[in-house]
């Protein structure tokens, strides 16, 4: 059964500004996400923007917004084929369990200046 759906849009320019601010990225992104984004070189801001949109979409799908957990505890990952997914850590995992979530479906896309994420939660 679908418990929640969330969608979010982020302008990539927002991440361009964040990249130059000391310590800001570490506040919002899991270390694994940062390593992955940095490995993408010139596409770093685009990678971070779509991941941040996924975190926002998850909060909307759970109806909690970005409360009750740290954004660093929400890690956007890709499988061997490139399919995106979300791995939850700490309080984020506990909040998801209390919500009754069992599975998260994630779709990401980006085009020039915008990054979009959609989350569907099954329970």
PDB file of N, CA and C in Angstrom:
ATOM      1  N   UNK A   1       0.847  -1.174   0.000  1.00  0.00           N
ATOM      2  CA  UNK A   1       0.000   0.000   0.000  1.00  0.00           C
ATOM      3  C   UNK A   1       0.895   1.241   0.000  1.00  0.00           C
ATOM      4  N   UNK A   2       0.514   2.237  -0.782  1.00  0.00           N
ATOM      5  CA  UNK A   2       1.261   3.491  -0.822  1.00  0.00           C
ATOM      6  C   UNK A   2       0.891   4.331   0.393  1.00  0.00           C
ATOM      7  N   UNK A   3       1.921   4.722   1.162  1.00  0.00           N
ATOM      8  CA  UNK A   3       1.708   5.534   2.356  1.00  0.00           C
ATOM      9  C   UNK A   3       1.966   7.019   2.106  1.00  0.00           C
ATOM     10  N   UNK A   4       2.792   7.321   1.109  1.00  0.00           N
ATOM     11  CA  UNK A   4       3.109   8.717   0.860  1.00  0.00           C
ATOM     12  C   UNK A   4       3.836   8.918  -0.452  1.00  0.00           C
ATOM     13  N   UNK A   5       3.641  10.112  -1.011  1.00  0.00           N
ATOM     14  CA  UNK A   5       4.314  10.524  -2.248  1.00  0.00           C
ATOM     15  C   UNK A   5       4.857  11.921  -2.013  1.00  0.00           C
ATOM     16  N   UNK A   6       6.091  12.148  -2.435  1.00  0.00           N
ATOM     17  CA  UNK A   6       6.691  13.468  -2.304  1.00  0.00           C
ATOM     18  C   UNK A   6       7.479  13.819  -3.549  1.00  0.00           C
ATOM     19  N   UNK A   7       7.435  15.098  -3.920  1.00  0.00           N
ATOM     20  CA  UNK A   7       8.163  15.601  -5.086  1.00  0.00           C
ATOM     21  C   UNK A   7       8.860  16.887  -4.677  1.00  0.00           C
ATOM     22  N   UNK A   8      10.063  17.106  -5.197  1.00  0.00           N
ATOM     23  CA  UNK A   8      10.751  18.358  -4.920  1.00  0.00           C
ATOM     24  C   UNK A   8      11.594  18.780  -6.114  1.00  0.00           C
ATOM     25  N   UNK A   9      11.736  20.090  -6.258  1.00  0.00           N
ATOM     26  CA  UNK A   9      12.512  20.711  -7.329  1.00  0.00           C
ATOM     27  C   UNK A   9      13.542  21.636  -6.692  1.00  0.00           C
ATOM     28  N   UNK A  10      14.778  21.540  -7.123  1.00  0.00           N
ATOM     29  CA  UNK A  10      15.858  22.397  -6.624  1.00  0.00           C
ATOM     30  C   UNK A  10      16.547  23.049  -7.819  1.00  0.00           C
ATOM     31  N   UNK A  11      16.835  24.326  -7.707  1.00  0.00           N
ATOM     32  CA  UNK A  11      17.642  24.998  -8.730  1.00  0.00           C
ATOM     33  C   UNK A  11      19.109  24.681  -8.456  1.00  0.00           C
ATOM     34  N   UNK A  12      19.810  24.251  -9.478  1.00  0.00           N
ATOM     35  CA  UNK A  12      21.202  23.845  -9.340  1.00  0.00           C
ATOM     36  C   UNK A  12      22.069  25.005  -8.846  1.00  0.00           C
ATOM     37  N   UNK A  13      21.724  26.232  -9.184  1.00  0.00           N
ATOM     38  CA  UNK A  13      22.491  27.404  -8.738  1.00  0.00           C
ATOM     39  C   UNK A  13      22.580  27.470  -7.216  1.00  0.00           C
ATOM     40  N   UNK A  14      21.581  26.973  -6.535  1.00  0.00           N
ATOM     41  CA  UNK A  14      21.598  26.943  -5.075  1.00  0.00           C
ATOM     42  C   UNK A  14      22.775  26.103  -4.583  1.00  0.00           C
ATOM     43  N   UNK A  15      23.008  24.955  -5.201  1.00  0.00           N
ATOM     44  CA  UNK A  15      24.123  24.096  -4.815  1.00  0.00           C
ATOM     45  C   UNK A  15      25.459  24.711  -5.234  1.00  0.00           C
ATOM     46  N   UNK A  16      25.483  25.407  -6.359  1.00  0.00           N
ATOM     47  CA  UNK A  16      26.710  26.102  -6.764  1.00  0.00           C
ATOM     48  C   UNK A  16      27.164  27.042  -5.655  1.00  0.00           C
ATOM     49  N   UNK A  17      26.225  27.741  -5.037  1.00  0.00           N
ATOM     50  CA  UNK A  17      26.561  28.658  -3.938  1.00  0.00           C
ATOM     51  C   UNK A  17      27.010  27.883  -2.698  1.00  0.00           C
ATOM     52  N   UNK A  18      26.357  26.767  -2.415  1.00  0.00           N
ATOM     53  CA  UNK A  18      26.684  25.981  -1.219  1.00  0.00           C
ATOM     54  C   UNK A  18      28.098  25.398  -1.301  1.00  0.00           C
ATOM     55  N   UNK A  19      28.522  25.009  -2.507  1.00  0.00           N
ATOM     56  CA  UNK A  19      29.829  24.374  -2.682  1.00  0.00           C
ATOM     57  C   UNK A  19      30.950  25.270  -2.167  1.00  0.00           C
ATOM     58  N   UNK A  20      30.786  26.571  -2.315  1.00  0.00           N
ATOM     59  CA  UNK A  20      31.848  27.501  -1.910  1.00  0.00           C
ATOM     60  C   UNK A  20      31.777  27.906  -0.436  1.00  0.00           C
ATOM     61  N   UNK A  21      30.759  27.447   0.289  1.00  0.00           N
ATOM     62  CA  UNK A  21      30.613  27.809   1.703  1.00  0.00           C
ATOM     63  C   UNK A  21      31.194  26.711   2.593  1.00  0.00           C
ATOM     64  N   UNK A  22      32.254  27.059   3.295  1.00  0.00           N
ATOM     65  CA  UNK A  22      32.985  26.120   4.149  1.00  0.00           C
ATOM     66  C   UNK A  22      32.065  25.380   5.125  1.00  0.00           C
ATOM     67  N   UNK A  23      32.094  24.051   5.094  1.00  0.00           N
ATOM     68  CA  UNK A  23      31.376  23.224   6.051  1.00  0.00           C
ATOM     69  C   UNK A  23      29.888  23.039   5.792  1.00  0.00           C
ATOM     70  N   UNK A  24      29.329  23.761   4.845  1.00  0.00           N
ATOM     71  CA  UNK A  24      27.882  23.677   4.622  1.00  0.00           C
ATOM     72  C   UNK A  24      27.465  22.323   4.047  1.00  0.00           C
ATOM     73  N   UNK A  25      28.222  21.822   3.102  1.00  0.00           N
ATOM     74  CA  UNK A  25      27.857  20.543   2.490  1.00  0.00           C
ATOM     75  C   UNK A  25      27.876  19.412   3.513  1.00  0.00           C
ATOM     76  N   UNK A  26      28.845  19.430   4.417  1.00  0.00           N
ATOM     77  CA  UNK A  26      28.957  18.389   5.445  1.00  0.00           C
ATOM     78  C   UNK A  26      27.766  18.410   6.399  1.00  0.00           C
ATOM     79  N   UNK A  27      27.110  19.530   6.485  1.00  0.00           N
ATOM     80  CA  UNK A  27      25.937  19.653   7.354  1.00  0.00           C
ATOM     81  C   UNK A  27      24.705  18.936   6.791  1.00  0.00           C
ATOM     82  N   UNK A  28      24.601  18.873   5.458  1.00  0.00           N
ATOM     83  CA  UNK A  28      23.394  18.354   4.816  1.00  0.00           C
ATOM     84  C   UNK A  28      23.564  17.025   4.095  1.00  0.00           C
ATOM     85  N   UNK A  29      24.804  16.607   3.824  1.00  0.00           N
ATOM     86  CA  UNK A  29      25.020  15.414   3.007  1.00  0.00           C
ATOM     87  C   UNK A  29      25.829  14.360   3.752  1.00  0.00           C
ATOM     88  N   UNK A  30      25.452  13.121   3.550  1.00  0.00           N
ATOM     89  CA  UNK A  30      26.173  11.967   4.092  1.00  0.00           C
ATOM     90  C   UNK A  30      27.578  11.951   3.456  1.00  0.00           C
ATOM     91  N   UNK A  31      28.597  11.526   4.200  1.00  0.00           N
ATOM     92  CA  UNK A  31      29.951  11.475   3.634  1.00  0.00           C
ATOM     93  C   UNK A  31      30.039  10.683   2.319  1.00  0.00           C
ATOM     94  N   UNK A  32      29.270   9.620   2.202  1.00  0.00           N
ATOM     95  CA  UNK A  32      29.257   8.842   0.966  1.00  0.00           C
ATOM     96  C   UNK A  32      28.713   9.631  -0.216  1.00  0.00           C
ATOM     97  N   UNK A  33      27.710  10.450   0.042  1.00  0.00           N
ATOM     98  CA  UNK A  33      27.164  11.304  -1.019  1.00  0.00           C
ATOM     99  C   UNK A  33      28.188  12.333  -1.464  1.00  0.00           C
ATOM    100  N   UNK A  34      28.885  12.914  -0.509  1.00  0.00           N
ATOM    101  CA  UNK A  34      29.893  13.924  -0.840  1.00  0.00           C
ATOM    102  C   UNK A  34      31.031  13.318  -1.657  1.00  0.00           C
ATOM    103  N   UNK A  35      31.474  12.135  -1.278  1.00  0.00           N
ATOM    104  CA  UNK A  35      32.537  11.468  -2.030  1.00  0.00           C
ATOM    105  C   UNK A  35      32.086  11.200  -3.462  1.00  0.00           C
ATOM    106  N   UNK A  36      30.863  10.715  -3.612  1.00  0.00           N
ATOM    107  CA  UNK A  36      30.329  10.440  -4.942  1.00  0.00           C
ATOM    108  C   UNK A  36      30.216  11.722  -5.766  1.00  0.00           C
ATOM    109  N   UNK A  37      29.673  12.771  -5.163  1.00  0.00           N
ATOM    110  CA  UNK A  37      29.490  14.035  -5.880  1.00  0.00           C
ATOM    111  C   UNK A  37      30.835  14.632  -6.291  1.00  0.00           C
ATOM    112  N   UNK A  38      31.808  14.584  -5.402  1.00  0.00           N
ATOM    113  CA  UNK A  38      33.135  15.144  -5.719  1.00  0.00           C
ATOM    114  C   UNK A  38      33.805  14.379  -6.846  1.00  0.00           C
ATOM    115  N   UNK A  39      33.509  13.096  -6.954  1.00  0.00           N
ATOM    116  CA  UNK A  39      34.108  12.293  -8.031  1.00  0.00           C
ATOM    117  C   UNK A  39      33.539  12.670  -9.402  1.00  0.00           C
ATOM    118  N   UNK A  40      32.457  13.417  -9.421  1.00  0.00           N
ATOM    119  CA  UNK A  40      31.807  13.794 -10.674  1.00  0.00           C
ATOM    120  C   UNK A  40      32.356  15.092 -11.271  1.00  0.00           C
ATOM    121  N   UNK A  41      33.327  15.699 -10.588  1.00  0.00           N
ATOM    122  CA  UNK A  41      33.985  16.889 -11.125  1.00  0.00           C
ATOM    123  C   UNK A  41      33.026  18.046 -11.366  1.00  0.00           C
ATOM    124  N   UNK A  42      32.929  18.483 -12.611  1.00  0.00           N
ATOM    125  CA  UNK A  42      32.113  19.644 -12.965  1.00  0.00           C
ATOM    126  C   UNK A  42      30.625  19.425 -12.714  1.00  0.00           C
ATOM    127  N   UNK A  43      30.206  18.184 -12.579  1.00  0.00           N
ATOM    128  CA  UNK A  43      28.787  17.876 -12.340  1.00  0.00           C
ATOM    129  C   UNK A  43      28.464  17.787 -10.849  1.00  0.00           C
ATOM    130  N   UNK A  44      29.385  18.191  -9.998  1.00  0.00           N
ATOM    131  CA  UNK A  44      29.199  18.055  -8.552  1.00  0.00           C
ATOM    132  C   UNK A  44      27.931  18.742  -8.065  1.00  0.00           C
ATOM    133  N   UNK A  45      27.732  20.002  -8.442  1.00  0.00           N
ATOM    134  CA  UNK A  45      26.560  20.747  -7.967  1.00  0.00           C
ATOM    135  C   UNK A  45      25.263  20.103  -8.450  1.00  0.00           C
ATOM    136  N   UNK A  46      25.261  19.600  -9.661  1.00  0.00           N
ATOM    137  CA  UNK A  46      24.073  18.929 -10.200  1.00  0.00           C
ATOM    138  C   UNK A  46      23.772  17.668  -9.404  1.00  0.00           C
ATOM    139  N   UNK A  47      24.792  16.899  -9.080  1.00  0.00           N
ATOM    140  CA  UNK A  47      24.632  15.681  -8.288  1.00  0.00           C
ATOM    141  C   UNK A  47      24.094  15.999  -6.891  1.00  0.00           C
ATOM    142  N   UNK A  48      24.644  17.035  -6.274  1.00  0.00           N
ATOM    143  CA  UNK A  48      24.183  17.421  -4.938  1.00  0.00           C
ATOM    144  C   UNK A  48      22.756  17.959  -4.970  1.00  0.00           C
ATOM    145  N   UNK A  49      22.433  18.723  -5.989  1.00  0.00           N
ATOM    146  CA  UNK A  49      21.085  19.298  -6.087  1.00  0.00           C
ATOM    147  C   UNK A  49      20.026  18.204  -6.160  1.00  0.00           C
ATOM    148  N   UNK A  50      20.250  17.197  -6.979  1.00  0.00           N
ATOM    149  CA  UNK A  50      19.246  16.142  -7.128  1.00  0.00           C
ATOM    150  C   UNK A  50      19.152  15.305  -5.850  1.00  0.00           C
ATOM    151  N   UNK A  51      20.260  15.155  -5.145  1.00  0.00           N
ATOM    152  CA  UNK A  51      20.237  14.428  -3.876  1.00  0.00           C
ATOM    153  C   UNK A  51      19.514  15.223  -2.791  1.00  0.00           C
ATOM    154  N   UNK A  52      19.719  16.518  -2.770  1.00  0.00           N
ATOM    155  CA  UNK A  52      19.003  17.345  -1.799  1.00  0.00           C
ATOM    156  C   UNK A  52      17.498  17.315  -2.088  1.00  0.00           C
ATOM    157  N   UNK A  53      17.137  17.357  -3.363  1.00  0.00           N
ATOM    158  CA  UNK A  53      15.720  17.260  -3.740  1.00  0.00           C
ATOM    159  C   UNK A  53      15.127  15.939  -3.258  1.00  0.00           C
ATOM    160  N   UNK A  54      15.901  14.861  -3.306  1.00  0.00           N
ATOM    161  CA  UNK A  54      15.418  13.556  -2.835  1.00  0.00           C
ATOM    162  C   UNK A  54      15.139  13.588  -1.337  1.00  0.00           C
ATOM    163  N   UNK A  55      15.995  14.255  -0.578  1.00  0.00           N
ATOM    164  CA  UNK A  55      15.793  14.363   0.866  1.00  0.00           C
ATOM    165  C   UNK A  55      14.515  15.147   1.175  1.00  0.00           C
ATOM    166  N   UNK A  56      14.317  16.240   0.461  1.00  0.00           N
ATOM    167  CA  UNK A  56      13.100  17.045   0.639  1.00  0.00           C
ATOM    168  C   UNK A  56      11.861  16.233   0.256  1.00  0.00           C
ATOM    169  N   UNK A  57      11.942  15.504  -0.851  1.00  0.00           N
ATOM    170  CA  UNK A  57      10.808  14.692  -1.309  1.00  0.00           C
ATOM    171  C   UNK A  57      10.474  13.601  -0.298  1.00  0.00           C
ATOM    172  N   UNK A  58      11.501  13.020   0.323  1.00  0.00           N
ATOM    173  CA  UNK A  58      11.268  12.011   1.354  1.00  0.00           C
ATOM    174  C   UNK A  58      10.505  12.606   2.529  1.00  0.00           C
ATOM    175  N   UNK A  59      10.933  13.769   2.992  1.00  0.00           N
ATOM    176  CA  UNK A  59      10.236  14.441   4.100  1.00  0.00           C
ATOM    177  C   UNK A  59       8.794  14.731   3.764  1.00  0.00           C
ATOM    178  N   UNK A  60       8.531  15.128   2.527  1.00  0.00           N
ATOM    179  CA  UNK A  60       7.158  15.400   2.098  1.00  0.00           C
ATOM    180  C   UNK A  60       6.343  14.107   2.046  1.00  0.00           C
ATOM    181  N   UNK A  61       6.947  13.040   1.564  1.00  0.00           N
ATOM    182  CA  UNK A  61       6.231  11.766   1.468  1.00  0.00           C
ATOM    183  C   UNK A  61       5.861  11.229   2.849  1.00  0.00           C
ATOM    184  N   UNK A  62       6.712  11.474   3.844  1.00  0.00           N
ATOM    185  CA  UNK A  62       6.415  11.017   5.205  1.00  0.00           C
ATOM    186  C   UNK A  62       5.520  11.995   5.949  1.00  0.00           C
ATOM    187  N   UNK A  63       5.351  13.192   5.405  1.00  0.00           N
ATOM    188  CA  UNK A  63       4.520  14.190   6.064  1.00  0.00           C
ATOM    189  C   UNK A  63       5.195  14.858   7.248  1.00  0.00           C
ATOM    190  N   UNK A  64       6.508  14.666   7.383  1.00  0.00           N
ATOM    191  CA  UNK A  64       7.247  15.230   8.517  1.00  0.00           C
ATOM    192  C   UNK A  64       8.056  16.454   8.134  1.00  0.00           C
ATOM    193  N   UNK A  65       8.185  16.695   6.832  1.00  0.00           N
ATOM    194  CA  UNK A  65       9.133  17.712   6.405  1.00  0.00           C
ATOM    195  C   UNK A  65      10.520  17.230   6.782  1.00  0.00           C
ATOM    196  N   UNK A  66      11.388  18.154   7.112  1.00  0.00           N
ATOM    197  CA  UNK A  66      12.763  17.786   7.449  1.00  0.00           C
ATOM    198  C   UNK A  66      12.994  17.789   8.953  1.00  0.00           C
ATOM    199  N   UNK A  67      11.935  17.505   9.701  1.00  0.00           N
ATOM    200  CA  UNK A  67      12.028  17.428  11.153  1.00  0.00           C
ATOM    201  C   UNK A  67      12.307  15.991  11.581  1.00  0.00           C
ATOM    202  N   UNK A  68      12.745  15.821  12.802  1.00  0.00           N
ATOM    203  CA  UNK A  68      12.909  14.516  13.447  1.00  0.00           C
ATOM    204  C   UNK A  68      14.129  13.720  12.988  1.00  0.00           C
ATOM    205  N   UNK A  69      14.924  14.259  12.054  1.00  0.00           N
ATOM    206  CA  UNK A  69      16.152  13.586  11.639  1.00  0.00           C
ATOM    207  C   UNK A  69      17.061  14.578  10.931  1.00  0.00           C
ATOM    208  N   UNK A  70      18.317  14.213  10.868  1.00  0.00           N
ATOM    209  CA  UNK A  70      19.316  15.031  10.185  1.00  0.00           C
ATOM    210  C   UNK A  70      19.362  14.637   8.712  1.00  0.00           C
ATOM    211  N   UNK A  71      19.531  15.614   7.842  1.00  0.00           N
ATOM    212  CA  UNK A  71      19.632  15.310   6.415  1.00  0.00           C
ATOM    213  C   UNK A  71      20.841  14.435   6.100  1.00  0.00           C
ATOM    214  N   UNK A  72      21.868  14.499   6.926  1.00  0.00           N
ATOM    215  CA  UNK A  72      23.047  13.641   6.739  1.00  0.00           C
ATOM    216  C   UNK A  72      22.697  12.168   6.910  1.00  0.00           C
ATOM    217  N   UNK A  73      21.576  11.886   7.592  1.00  0.00           N
ATOM    218  CA  UNK A  73      21.156  10.508   7.831  1.00  0.00           C
ATOM    219  C   UNK A  73      20.379   9.921   6.657  1.00  0.00           C
ATOM    220  N   UNK A  74      20.103  10.731   5.652  1.00  0.00           N
ATOM    221  CA  UNK A  74      19.416  10.288   4.439  1.00  0.00           C
ATOM    222  C   UNK A  74      20.460  10.267   3.334  1.00  0.00           C
ATOM    223  N   UNK A  75      20.801   9.076   2.872  1.00  0.00           N
ATOM    224  CA  UNK A  75      21.859   8.918   1.878  1.00  0.00           C
ATOM    225  C   UNK A  75      21.275   8.418   0.566  1.00  0.00           C
ATOM    226  N   UNK A  76      21.458   9.199  -0.483  1.00  0.00           N
ATOM    227  CA  UNK A  76      21.038   8.774  -1.815  1.00  0.00           C
ATOM    228  C   UNK A  76      22.185   7.955  -2.401  1.00  0.00           C
ATOM    229  N   UNK A  77      21.863   6.753  -2.843  1.00  0.00           N
ATOM    230  CA  UNK A  77      22.854   5.823  -3.389  1.00  0.00           C
ATOM    231  C   UNK A  77      22.402   5.375  -4.774  1.00  0.00           C
ATOM    232  N   UNK A  78      23.322   4.780  -5.505  1.00  0.00           N
ATOM    233  CA  UNK A  78      22.997   4.195  -6.808  1.00  0.00           C
ATOM    234  C   UNK A  78      23.472   2.753  -6.822  1.00  0.00           C
ATOM    235  N   UNK A  79      22.660   1.863  -7.398  1.00  0.00           N
ATOM    236  CA  UNK A  79      23.096   0.474  -7.509  1.00  0.00           C
ATOM    237  C   UNK A  79      24.059   0.339  -8.699  1.00  0.00           C
ATOM    238  N   UNK A  80      24.500  -0.869  -8.976  1.00  0.00           N
ATOM    239  CA  UNK A  80      25.487  -1.106 -10.027  1.00  0.00           C
ATOM    240  C   UNK A  80      24.998  -0.653 -11.404  1.00  0.00           C
ATOM    241  N   UNK A  81      23.688  -0.670 -11.617  1.00  0.00           N
ATOM    242  CA  UNK A  81      23.129  -0.241 -12.896  1.00  0.00           C
ATOM    243  C   UNK A  81      22.844   1.259 -12.927  1.00  0.00           C
ATOM    244  N   UNK A  82      23.061   1.943 -11.794  1.00  0.00           N
ATOM    245  CA  UNK A  82      22.818   3.382 -11.731  1.00  0.00           C
ATOM    246  C   UNK A  82      21.470   3.766 -11.151  1.00  0.00           C
ATOM    247  N   UNK A  83      20.623   2.784 -10.841  1.00  0.00           N
ATOM    248  CA  UNK A  83      19.302   3.073 -10.280  1.00  0.00           C
ATOM    249  C   UNK A  83      19.455   3.715  -8.904  1.00  0.00           C
ATOM    250  N   UNK A  84      18.780   4.863  -8.684  1.00  0.00           N
ATOM    251  CA  UNK A  84      18.912   5.522  -7.383  1.00  0.00           C
ATOM    252  C   UNK A  84      18.045   4.869  -6.311  1.00  0.00           C
ATOM    253  N   UNK A  85      18.505   5.007  -5.095  1.00  0.00           N
ATOM    254  CA  UNK A  85      17.769   4.527  -3.944  1.00  0.00           C
ATOM    255  C   UNK A  85      18.117   5.395  -2.742  1.00  0.00           C
ATOM    256  N   UNK A  86      17.436   5.147  -1.637  1.00  0.00           N
ATOM    257  CA  UNK A  86      17.694   5.893  -0.404  1.00  0.00           C
ATOM    258  C   UNK A  86      18.052   4.912   0.698  1.00  0.00           C
ATOM    259  N   UNK A  87      19.159   5.183   1.374  1.00  0.00           N
ATOM    260  CA  UNK A  87      19.589   4.412   2.539  1.00  0.00           C
ATOM    261  C   UNK A  87      19.438   5.326   3.759  1.00  0.00           C
ATOM    262  N   UNK A  88      18.714   4.861   4.769  1.00  0.00           N
ATOM    263  CA  UNK A  88      18.457   5.669   5.957  1.00  0.00           C
ATOM    264  C   UNK A  88      19.341   5.218   7.118  1.00  0.00           C
ATOM    265  N   UNK A  89      19.802   6.187   7.894  1.00  0.00           N
ATOM    266  CA  UNK A  89      20.665   5.928   9.039  1.00  0.00           C
ATOM    267  C   UNK A  89      20.054   6.594  10.270  1.00  0.00           C
ATOM    268  N   UNK A  90      20.379   6.098  11.453  1.00  0.00           N
ATOM    269  CA  UNK A  90      20.035   6.753  12.713  1.00  0.00           C
ATOM    270  C   UNK A  90      18.568   7.126  12.867  1.00  0.00           C
ATOM    271  N   UNK A  91      18.337   8.376  13.278  1.00  0.00           N
ATOM    272  CA  UNK A  91      16.981   8.881  13.522  1.00  0.00           C
ATOM    273  C   UNK A  91      16.111   8.827  12.262  1.00  0.00           C
ATOM    274  N   UNK A  92      16.714   9.006  11.096  1.00  0.00           N
ATOM    275  CA  UNK A  92      15.934   8.933   9.854  1.00  0.00           C
ATOM    276  C   UNK A  92      15.324   7.542   9.690  1.00  0.00           C
ATOM    277  N   UNK A  93      16.101   6.517   9.987  1.00  0.00           N
ATOM    278  CA  UNK A  93      15.589   5.142   9.894  1.00  0.00           C
ATOM    279  C   UNK A  93      14.492   4.901  10.927  1.00  0.00           C
ATOM    280  N   UNK A  94      14.678   5.439  12.130  1.00  0.00           N
ATOM    281  CA  UNK A  94      13.672   5.277  13.178  1.00  0.00           C
ATOM    282  C   UNK A  94      12.379   6.021  12.831  1.00  0.00           C
ATOM    283  N   UNK A  95      12.489   7.227  12.293  1.00  0.00           N
ATOM    284  CA  UNK A  95      11.316   8.005  11.887  1.00  0.00           C
ATOM    285  C   UNK A  95      10.557   7.271  10.788  1.00  0.00           C
ATOM    286  N   UNK A  96      11.284   6.709   9.842  1.00  0.00           N
ATOM    287  CA  UNK A  96      10.678   5.959   8.744  1.00  0.00           C
ATOM    288  C   UNK A  96       9.937   4.731   9.270  1.00  0.00           C
ATOM    289  N   UNK A  97      10.537   4.033  10.215  1.00  0.00           N
ATOM    290  CA  UNK A  97       9.906   2.843  10.803  1.00  0.00           C
ATOM    291  C   UNK A  97       8.628   3.219  11.554  1.00  0.00           C
ATOM    292  N   UNK A  98       8.682   4.320  12.325  1.00  0.00           N
ATOM    293  CA  UNK A  98       7.475   4.774  13.047  1.00  0.00           C
ATOM    294  C   UNK A  98       6.368   5.169  12.071  1.00  0.00           C
ATOM    295  N   UNK A  99       6.760   5.701  10.927  1.00  0.00           N
ATOM    296  CA  UNK A  99       5.800   6.080   9.891  1.00  0.00           C
ATOM    297  C   UNK A  99       5.119   4.838   9.303  1.00  0.00           C
ATOM    298  N   UNK A 100       5.769   3.710   9.424  1.00  0.00           N
ATOM    299  CA  UNK A 100       5.214   2.467   8.880  1.00  0.00           C
ATOM    300  C   UNK A 100       5.760   2.123   7.513  1.00  0.00           C
ATOM    301  N   UNK A 101       6.793   2.848   7.100  1.00  0.00           N
ATOM    302  CA  UNK A 101       7.386   2.608   5.787  1.00  0.00           C
ATOM    303  C   UNK A 101       8.153   1.308   5.728  1.00  0.00           C
ATOM    304  N   UNK A 102       8.044   0.651   4.586  1.00  0.00           N
ATOM    305  CA  UNK A 102       8.779  -0.591   4.356  1.00  0.00           C
ATOM    306  C   UNK A 102       9.706  -0.481   3.158  1.00  0.00           C
ATOM    307  N   UNK A 103       9.311   0.318   2.167  1.00  0.00           N
ATOM    308  CA  UNK A 103      10.099   0.415   0.936  1.00  0.00           C
ATOM    309  C   UNK A 103       9.999   1.835   0.385  1.00  0.00           C
ATOM    310  N   UNK A 104      11.121   2.324  -0.129  1.00  0.00           N
ATOM    311  CA  UNK A 104      11.167   3.651  -0.736  1.00  0.00           C
ATOM    312  C   UNK A 104      11.500   3.500  -2.209  1.00  0.00           C
ATOM    313  N   UNK A 105      10.694   4.115  -3.050  1.00  0.00           N
ATOM    314  CA  UNK A 105      10.969   4.184  -4.486  1.00  0.00           C
ATOM    315  C   UNK A 105      11.419   5.613  -4.779  1.00  0.00           C
ATOM    316  N   UNK A 106      12.486   5.759  -5.551  1.00  0.00           N
ATOM    317  CA  UNK A 106      13.049   7.066  -5.836  1.00  0.00           C
ATOM    318  C   UNK A 106      13.293   7.227  -7.324  1.00  0.00           C
ATOM    319  N   UNK A 107      12.876   8.367  -7.848  1.00  0.00           N
ATOM    320  CA  UNK A 107      13.173   8.724  -9.232  1.00  0.00           C
ATOM    321  C   UNK A 107      13.821  10.101  -9.227  1.00  0.00           C
ATOM    322  N   UNK A 108      14.922  10.239  -9.964  1.00  0.00           N
ATOM    323  CA  UNK A 108      15.660  11.500 -10.043  1.00  0.00           C
ATOM    324  C   UNK A 108      15.804  11.929 -11.494  1.00  0.00           C
ATOM    325  N   UNK A 109      15.771  13.243 -11.714  1.00  0.00           N
ATOM    326  CA  UNK A 109      16.056  13.764 -13.043  1.00  0.00           C
ATOM    327  C   UNK A 109      16.616  15.173 -12.909  1.00  0.00           C
ATOM    328  N   UNK A 110      17.380  15.580 -13.891  1.00  0.00           N
ATOM    329  CA  UNK A 110      17.898  16.946 -13.903  1.00  0.00           C
ATOM    330  C   UNK A 110      18.082  17.397 -15.337  1.00  0.00           C
ATOM    331  N   UNK A 111      17.871  18.678 -15.522  1.00  0.00           N
ATOM    332  CA  UNK A 111      17.980  19.292 -16.842  1.00  0.00           C
ATOM    333  C   UNK A 111      18.480  20.712 -16.649  1.00  0.00           C
ATOM    334  N   UNK A 112      19.643  20.998 -17.151  1.00  0.00           N
ATOM    335  CA  UNK A 112      20.236  22.334 -17.088  1.00  0.00           C
ATOM    336  C   UNK A 112      20.212  22.920 -15.683  1.00  0.00           C
ATOM    337  N   UNK A 113      19.243  23.767 -15.388  1.00  0.00           N
ATOM    338  CA  UNK A 113      19.221  24.516 -14.129  1.00  0.00           C
ATOM    339  C   UNK A 113      18.414  23.874 -13.010  1.00  0.00           C
ATOM    340  N   UNK A 114      17.728  22.775 -13.270  1.00  0.00           N
ATOM    341  CA  UNK A 114      16.806  22.206 -12.284  1.00  0.00           C
ATOM    342  C   UNK A 114      17.067  20.728 -12.038  1.00  0.00           C
ATOM    343  N   UNK A 115      16.826  20.328 -10.791  1.00  0.00           N
ATOM    344  CA  UNK A 115      16.927  18.925 -10.393  1.00  0.00           C
ATOM    345  C   UNK A 115      15.611  18.565  -9.690  1.00  0.00           C
ATOM    346  N   UNK A 116      15.068  17.416 -10.033  1.00  0.00           N
ATOM    347  CA  UNK A 116      13.775  16.980  -9.507  1.00  0.00           C
ATOM    348  C   UNK A 116      13.888  15.577  -8.946  1.00  0.00           C
ATOM    349  N   UNK A 117      13.226  15.351  -7.814  1.00  0.00           N
ATOM    350  CA  UNK A 117      13.166  14.022  -7.201  1.00  0.00           C
ATOM    351  C   UNK A 117      11.724  13.698  -6.854  1.00  0.00           C
ATOM    352  N   UNK A 118      11.376  12.419  -7.009  1.00  0.00           N
ATOM    353  CA  UNK A 118      10.065  11.926  -6.600  1.00  0.00           C
ATOM    354  C   UNK A 118      10.276  10.693  -5.723  1.00  0.00           C
ATOM    355  N   UNK A 119       9.568  10.671  -4.595  1.00  0.00           N
ATOM    356  CA  UNK A 119       9.647   9.547  -3.664  1.00  0.00           C
ATOM    357  C   UNK A 119       8.251   8.969  -3.482  1.00  0.00           C
ATOM    358  N   UNK A 120       8.175   7.655  -3.521  1.00  0.00           N
ATOM    359  CA  UNK A 120       6.953   6.929  -3.179  1.00  0.00           C
ATOM    360  C   UNK A 120       7.317   5.964  -2.057  1.00  0.00           C
ATOM    361  N   UNK A 121       6.530   6.013  -0.977  1.00  0.00           N
ATOM    362  CA  UNK A 121       6.777   5.117   0.157  1.00  0.00           C
ATOM    363  C   UNK A 121       5.665   4.076   0.221  1.00  0.00           C
ATOM    364  N   UNK A 122       6.098   2.819   0.315  1.00  0.00           N
ATOM    365  CA  UNK A 122       5.172   1.706   0.500  1.00  0.00           C
ATOM    366  C   UNK A 122       5.253   1.238   1.949  1.00  0.00           C
ATOM    367  N   UNK A 123       4.123   0.748   2.448  1.00  0.00           N
ATOM    368  CA  UNK A 123       4.103   0.210   3.798  1.00  0.00           C
ATOM    369  C   UNK A 123       3.124  -0.914   3.901  1.00  0.00           C
TER     370      UNK A 123
END
